[in-house]
Amino acid sequence: MQNSRTIFLAHTALYLALAIVLPIGFHAFGLAGRVMLPMHLPVLLAGFLTGPLSGFVVGILAPGLSYLFTSMPPAYAVPLMSLELPAYGLMAGLLYKRFHLNIILATISAMFVGRLIFALSLFLLGLFMEMPYDVATFVSASGPLMTGLPGIIVQLLLIPTIVATIHRRRPH
């Protein structure tokens, strides 16, 4: 009999490793992290496939560890992403696994909550320190929210496909 705690830890570690390595691959091919949001994919997958706690853990650890190992994301983004990404993973797992929300609606909802927390964090941190942009810039047509639109589209296309494929292949 497999130990569920061991499986949880192994899967969480796998998604955490992917959240650190995937951005390196994207940058190697000239695809900027701010555009494609590669760290978001493993965080969402952890939430959807392993559960809300896994998504939360991967989301909270990935930005800081990635910065320590690769200097990505930029230092100013680490605290923002360390609040945004756990919300992604937690919400994905809760909405999909606990509340049985449709995968696409759960993905959109998790991304909305994560981006909302990013904006709120940006506002609050901006009160105490100088940030490279503010909330108005974040939501503007040339801001990070719109810059990340290709990554958001990739997430909406890939996440449901990957989750459905893995669920079909897993023994019940």
C-alpha atoms as a PDB file:
ATOM      1  CA  MET A   1       0.000   0.000   0.000  1.00  0.00           C
ATOM      2  CA  GLN A   2       1.334   3.416  -0.959  1.00  0.00           C
ATOM      3  CA  ASN A   3       1.781   5.995   1.739  1.00  0.00           C
ATOM      4  CA  SER A   4      -0.382   9.004   0.793  1.00  0.00           C
ATOM      5  CA  ARG A   5       1.904  11.410   2.672  1.00  0.00           C
ATOM      6  CA  THR A   6       4.899  10.188   0.662  1.00  0.00           C
ATOM      7  CA  ILE A   7       2.952  10.599  -2.577  1.00  0.00           C
ATOM      8  CA  PHE A   8       1.856  14.092  -1.534  1.00  0.00           C
ATOM      9  CA  LEU A   9       5.451  15.104  -0.726  1.00  0.00           C
ATOM     10  CA  ALA A  10       6.819  13.608  -3.950  1.00  0.00           C
ATOM     11  CA  HIS A  11       4.223  15.321  -6.123  1.00  0.00           C
ATOM     12  CA  THR A  12       4.626  18.631  -4.311  1.00  0.00           C
ATOM     13  CA  ALA A  13       8.409  18.431  -4.730  1.00  0.00           C
ATOM     14  CA  LEU A  14       7.968  17.617  -8.430  1.00  0.00           C
ATOM     15  CA  TYR A  15       5.750  20.659  -9.028  1.00  0.00           C
ATOM     16  CA  LEU A  16       8.092  22.852  -6.988  1.00  0.00           C
ATOM     17  CA  ALA A  17      11.049  21.698  -9.106  1.00  0.00           C
ATOM     18  CA  LEU A  18       9.034  22.366 -12.270  1.00  0.00           C
ATOM     19  CA  ALA A  19       8.164  25.848 -11.005  1.00  0.00           C
ATOM     20  CA  ILE A  20      11.883  26.584 -10.743  1.00  0.00           C
ATOM     21  CA  VAL A  21      13.086  24.828 -13.920  1.00  0.00           C
ATOM     22  CA  LEU A  22      10.266  25.731 -16.328  1.00  0.00           C
ATOM     23  CA  PRO A  23      11.018  29.488 -16.276  1.00  0.00           C
ATOM     24  CA  ILE A  24      14.670  28.701 -17.089  1.00  0.00           C
ATOM     25  CA  GLY A  25      13.523  26.823 -20.187  1.00  0.00           C
ATOM     26  CA  PHE A  26      11.215  29.633 -21.245  1.00  0.00           C
ATOM     27  CA  HIS A  27      14.014  32.188 -20.857  1.00  0.00           C
ATOM     28  CA  ALA A  28      16.395  29.939 -22.817  1.00  0.00           C
ATOM     29  CA  PHE A  29      14.012  30.189 -25.778  1.00  0.00           C
ATOM     30  CA  GLY A  30      13.630  33.951 -25.386  1.00  0.00           C
ATOM     31  CA  LEU A  31      10.146  33.769 -23.888  1.00  0.00           C
ATOM     32  CA  ALA A  32       9.977  36.276 -21.055  1.00  0.00           C
ATOM     33  CA  GLY A  33       8.519  35.131 -17.753  1.00  0.00           C
ATOM     34  CA  ARG A  34       6.385  38.279 -17.458  1.00  0.00           C
ATOM     35  CA  VAL A  35       4.746  37.389 -20.759  1.00  0.00           C
ATOM     36  CA  MET A  36       4.355  33.611 -20.518  1.00  0.00           C
ATOM     37  CA  LEU A  37       4.065  33.207 -16.712  1.00  0.00           C
ATOM     38  CA  PRO A  38       5.757  29.781 -16.671  1.00  0.00           C
ATOM     39  CA  MET A  39       5.925  29.544 -12.864  1.00  0.00           C
ATOM     40  CA  HIS A  40       2.146  29.714 -12.693  1.00  0.00           C
ATOM     41  CA  LEU A  41       1.639  26.444 -14.616  1.00  0.00           C
ATOM     42  CA  PRO A  42       3.182  24.040 -12.042  1.00  0.00           C
ATOM     43  CA  VAL A  43       1.507  25.912  -9.182  1.00  0.00           C
ATOM     44  CA  LEU A  44      -1.916  25.502 -10.788  1.00  0.00           C
ATOM     45  CA  LEU A  45      -1.199  21.867 -11.652  1.00  0.00           C
ATOM     46  CA  ALA A  46      -0.147  21.176  -8.054  1.00  0.00           C
ATOM     47  CA  GLY A  47      -3.460  22.578  -6.841  1.00  0.00           C
ATOM     48  CA  PHE A  48      -5.560  20.736  -9.402  1.00  0.00           C
ATOM     49  CA  LEU A  49      -3.782  17.379  -9.292  1.00  0.00           C
ATOM     50  CA  THR A  50      -2.368  17.071  -5.774  1.00  0.00           C
ATOM     51  CA  GLY A  51      -4.683  19.367  -3.846  1.00  0.00           C
ATOM     52  CA  PRO A  52      -5.021  22.821  -2.336  1.00  0.00           C
ATOM     53  CA  LEU A  53      -2.261  22.355   0.247  1.00  0.00           C
ATOM     54  CA  SER A  54       0.221  21.278  -2.423  1.00  0.00           C
ATOM     55  CA  GLY A  55      -0.719  24.213  -4.636  1.00  0.00           C
ATOM     56  CA  PHE A  56      -0.322  26.574  -1.690  1.00  0.00           C
ATOM     57  CA  VAL A  57       3.079  25.153  -0.685  1.00  0.00           C
ATOM     58  CA  VAL A  58       4.446  25.212  -4.242  1.00  0.00           C
ATOM     59  CA  GLY A  59       3.099  28.730  -4.741  1.00  0.00           C
ATOM     60  CA  ILE A  60       4.610  30.141  -1.584  1.00  0.00           C
ATOM     61  CA  LEU A  61       8.034  28.484  -1.982  1.00  0.00           C
ATOM     62  CA  ALA A  62       8.650  28.718  -5.732  1.00  0.00           C
ATOM     63  CA  PRO A  63       9.284  32.475  -6.144  1.00  0.00           C
ATOM     64  CA  GLY A  64      11.809  32.701  -3.306  1.00  0.00           C
ATOM     65  CA  LEU A  65      13.637  29.485  -4.186  1.00  0.00           C
ATOM     66  CA  SER A  66      13.702  30.406  -7.855  1.00  0.00           C
ATOM     67  CA  TYR A  67      15.169  33.797  -6.990  1.00  0.00           C
ATOM     68  CA  LEU A  68      17.834  32.183  -4.790  1.00  0.00           C
ATOM     69  CA  PHE A  69      18.826  29.654  -7.468  1.00  0.00           C
ATOM     70  CA  THR A  70      18.367  31.692 -10.660  1.00  0.00           C
ATOM     71  CA  SER A  71      17.873  35.379  -9.739  1.00  0.00           C
ATOM     72  CA  MET A  72      14.427  35.134 -11.351  1.00  0.00           C
ATOM     73  CA  PRO A  73      11.917  36.648 -10.781  1.00  0.00           C
ATOM     74  CA  PRO A  74      13.271  40.135 -10.028  1.00  0.00           C
ATOM     75  CA  ALA A  75      13.695  40.816  -6.302  1.00  0.00           C
ATOM     76  CA  TYR A  76      10.765  43.277  -6.148  1.00  0.00           C
ATOM     77  CA  ALA A  77       8.438  40.617  -7.604  1.00  0.00           C
ATOM     78  CA  VAL A  78       9.296  37.861  -5.097  1.00  0.00           C
ATOM     79  CA  PRO A  79       7.052  39.099  -2.256  1.00  0.00           C
ATOM     80  CA  LEU A  80       4.236  39.883  -4.702  1.00  0.00           C
ATOM     81  CA  MET A  81       4.446  36.478  -6.356  1.00  0.00           C
ATOM     82  CA  SER A  82       4.829  34.791  -2.952  1.00  0.00           C
ATOM     83  CA  LEU A  83       1.338  36.039  -2.175  1.00  0.00           C
ATOM     84  CA  GLU A  84      -0.190  35.647  -5.654  1.00  0.00           C
ATOM     85  CA  LEU A  85       0.948  32.110  -6.448  1.00  0.00           C
ATOM     86  CA  PRO A  86      -0.198  30.420  -3.219  1.00  0.00           C
ATOM     87  CA  ALA A  87      -3.627  31.918  -3.896  1.00  0.00           C
ATOM     88  CA  TYR A  88      -3.529  30.357  -7.391  1.00  0.00           C
ATOM     89  CA  GLY A  89      -2.647  26.918  -6.067  1.00  0.00           C
ATOM     90  CA  LEU A  90      -4.945  27.011  -3.058  1.00  0.00           C
ATOM     91  CA  MET A  91      -7.959  28.264  -5.008  1.00  0.00           C
ATOM     92  CA  ALA A  92      -7.384  25.808  -7.863  1.00  0.00           C
ATOM     93  CA  GLY A  93      -7.349  22.873  -5.460  1.00  0.00           C
ATOM     94  CA  LEU A  94     -10.260  24.070  -3.351  1.00  0.00           C
ATOM     95  CA  LEU A  95     -12.524  24.961  -6.257  1.00  0.00           C
ATOM     96  CA  TYR A  96     -11.781  21.839  -8.279  1.00  0.00           C
ATOM     97  CA  LYS A  97     -11.176  19.108  -5.706  1.00  0.00           C
ATOM     98  CA  ARG A  98     -13.322  20.237  -2.787  1.00  0.00           C
ATOM     99  CA  PHE A  99     -16.142  22.166  -4.481  1.00  0.00           C
ATOM    100  CA  HIS A 100     -16.064  20.189  -7.754  1.00  0.00           C
ATOM    101  CA  LEU A 101     -16.154  23.294  -9.926  1.00  0.00           C
ATOM    102  CA  ASN A 102     -15.628  22.786 -13.658  1.00  0.00           C
ATOM    103  CA  ILE A 103     -11.892  22.840 -14.527  1.00  0.00           C
ATOM    104  CA  ILE A 104     -12.166  25.896 -16.779  1.00  0.00           C
ATOM    105  CA  LEU A 105     -14.208  27.901 -14.263  1.00  0.00           C
ATOM    106  CA  ALA A 106     -11.853  26.824 -11.480  1.00  0.00           C
ATOM    107  CA  THR A 107      -8.838  27.927 -13.552  1.00  0.00           C
ATOM    108  CA  ILE A 108     -10.363  31.316 -14.359  1.00  0.00           C
ATOM    109  CA  SER A 109     -11.456  31.827 -10.739  1.00  0.00           C
ATOM    110  CA  ALA A 110      -8.049  30.858  -9.327  1.00  0.00           C
ATOM    111  CA  MET A 111      -6.298  33.202 -11.769  1.00  0.00           C
ATOM    112  CA  PHE A 112      -8.688  36.036 -10.906  1.00  0.00           C
ATOM    113  CA  VAL A 113      -8.159  35.629  -7.146  1.00  0.00           C
ATOM    114  CA  GLY A 114      -4.377  35.361  -7.600  1.00  0.00           C
ATOM    115  CA  ARG A 115      -4.203  38.507  -9.719  1.00  0.00           C
ATOM    116  CA  LEU A 116      -6.462  40.346  -7.287  1.00  0.00           C
ATOM    117  CA  ILE A 117      -4.118  39.435  -4.430  1.00  0.00           C
ATOM    118  CA  PHE A 118      -1.150  40.539  -6.559  1.00  0.00           C
ATOM    119  CA  ALA A 119      -2.779  43.944  -7.124  1.00  0.00           C
ATOM    120  CA  LEU A 120      -3.700  44.328  -3.451  1.00  0.00           C
ATOM    121  CA  SER A 121      -0.156  43.341  -2.416  1.00  0.00           C
ATOM    122  CA  LEU A 122       1.279  45.784  -4.929  1.00  0.00           C
ATOM    123  CA  PHE A 123      -0.838  48.560  -3.443  1.00  0.00           C
ATOM    124  CA  LEU A 124       0.076  47.688   0.156  1.00  0.00           C
ATOM    125  CA  LEU A 125       3.803  47.223  -0.496  1.00  0.00           C
ATOM    126  CA  GLY A 126       3.777  50.444  -2.514  1.00  0.00           C
ATOM    127  CA  LEU A 127       2.756  52.288   0.640  1.00  0.00           C
ATOM    128  CA  PHE A 128       6.035  51.318   2.316  1.00  0.00           C
ATOM    129  CA  MET A 129       8.553  51.002  -0.495  1.00  0.00           C
ATOM    130  CA  GLU A 130       9.122  52.190  -4.028  1.00  0.00           C
ATOM    131  CA  MET A 131       7.815  49.729  -6.601  1.00  0.00           C
ATOM    132  CA  PRO A 132       8.541  49.787 -10.350  1.00  0.00           C
ATOM    133  CA  TYR A 133       4.826  50.296 -11.042  1.00  0.00           C
ATOM    134  CA  ASP A 134       1.562  50.856  -9.175  1.00  0.00           C
ATOM    135  CA  VAL A 135      -1.891  49.242  -9.336  1.00  0.00           C
ATOM    136  CA  ALA A 136      -3.084  51.656 -12.049  1.00  0.00           C
ATOM    137  CA  THR A 137      -0.100  50.693 -14.216  1.00  0.00           C
ATOM    138  CA  PHE A 138      -0.668  47.000 -13.396  1.00  0.00           C
ATOM    139  CA  VAL A 139      -4.171  47.055 -14.903  1.00  0.00           C
ATOM    140  CA  SER A 140      -3.409  49.505 -17.732  1.00  0.00           C
ATOM    141  CA  ALA A 141      -3.221  48.447 -21.383  1.00  0.00           C
ATOM    142  CA  SER A 142       0.588  48.458 -21.241  1.00  0.00           C
ATOM    143  CA  GLY A 143       0.923  47.055 -17.714  1.00  0.00           C
ATOM    144  CA  PRO A 144       1.929  43.623 -16.408  1.00  0.00           C
ATOM    145  CA  LEU A 145      -1.626  42.286 -16.419  1.00  0.00           C
ATOM    146  CA  MET A 146      -1.912  42.795 -20.183  1.00  0.00           C
ATOM    147  CA  THR A 147       1.735  41.814 -20.747  1.00  0.00           C
ATOM    148  CA  GLY A 148       0.916  38.437 -19.187  1.00  0.00           C
ATOM    149  CA  LEU A 149      -2.122  37.866 -21.418  1.00  0.00           C
ATOM    150  CA  PRO A 150      -0.302  35.299 -23.625  1.00  0.00           C
ATOM    151  CA  GLY A 151       0.584  33.326 -20.489  1.00  0.00           C
ATOM    152  CA  ILE A 152      -2.982  33.528 -19.242  1.00  0.00           C
ATOM    153  CA  ILE A 153      -4.227  32.166 -22.588  1.00  0.00           C
ATOM    154  CA  VAL A 154      -1.645  29.349 -22.438  1.00  0.00           C
ATOM    155  CA  GLN A 155      -2.822  28.501 -18.914  1.00  0.00           C
ATOM    156  CA  LEU A 156      -6.455  28.407 -20.042  1.00  0.00           C
ATOM    157  CA  LEU A 157      -5.547  26.085 -22.901  1.00  0.00           C
ATOM    158  CA  LEU A 158      -2.990  23.826 -21.205  1.00  0.00           C
ATOM    159  CA  ILE A 159      -4.233  23.400 -17.638  1.00  0.00           C
ATOM    160  CA  PRO A 160      -7.638  21.838 -18.467  1.00  0.00           C
ATOM    161  CA  THR A 161      -6.025  19.644 -21.139  1.00  0.00           C
ATOM    162  CA  ILE A 162      -3.245  18.390 -18.859  1.00  0.00           C
ATOM    163  CA  VAL A 163      -5.573  17.809 -15.902  1.00  0.00           C
ATOM    164  CA  ALA A 164      -8.120  15.929 -18.038  1.00  0.00           C
ATOM    165  CA  THR A 165      -5.392  13.811 -19.654  1.00  0.00           C
ATOM    166  CA  ILE A 166      -3.841  12.860 -16.323  1.00  0.00           C
ATOM    167  CA  HIS A 167      -7.233  12.020 -14.818  1.00  0.00           C
ATOM    168  CA  ARG A 168      -8.046   9.769 -17.782  1.00  0.00           C
ATOM    169  CA  ARG A 169      -4.736   7.903 -17.411  1.00  0.00           C
ATOM    170  CA  ARG A 170      -4.768   7.474 -13.627  1.00  0.00           C
ATOM    171  CA  PRO A 171      -6.105   4.178 -12.353  1.00  0.00           C
ATOM    172  CA  HIS A 172      -9.197   4.598 -10.188  1.00  0.00           C
END
